[in-house]
Amino acid sequence: MNKEIILESLTRALESWVRNASAAQLWQVHQAGGLGASIHSDSDVVQVRVALGAPRNALSDIGKTDGRLPVTEAFLGKSVATWGTPPPQGSPVREQWFLSNELAQEHARQYLAAEIGEKRDVLARFVDDWMMRQGEAGSP
């Protein structure tokens, strides 16, 4: 198994997940993290599936902001557009605001994509842990 191939497959799967995640899934990651992935390798064919709610792992905190709204290009680049004043953090109305605000969702996607790119060491640690478990599973 080639670690780089698995790492690239994981990166692509995470990037695809970010592009296709629902607003509710983005909200969940933004609030509490919880990303996980399953990797299946058969010779040189690697398949990675990203999911939410997996057991705690190296990916669990990627994208987690505890509800803060970090500024990204999605916000800065839309000088005409505004997302209005978000409800206070911790307010039950904040989730509804996020789920109905496409700019906030675009912003969350951009932030999450940037985190995936910046935290390559975290992705590598996830792959290392997976490879170690595979080695243990193959041991007599």
Foldseek 3Di string as FASTA:
>chain_A
DDLVLQLVQVLVQQLVCLVPPALVVLVCCQQFFFKDWDWDDDPPDIHIHIDGNDPDALRRNQLYDNQDQDDDCLQVVCPVDDLPDADDRPDPCNSVSSNVGVSSSVSSSVSSNVSSVVPSVSSSRRSVVVVVVVVVVPDD
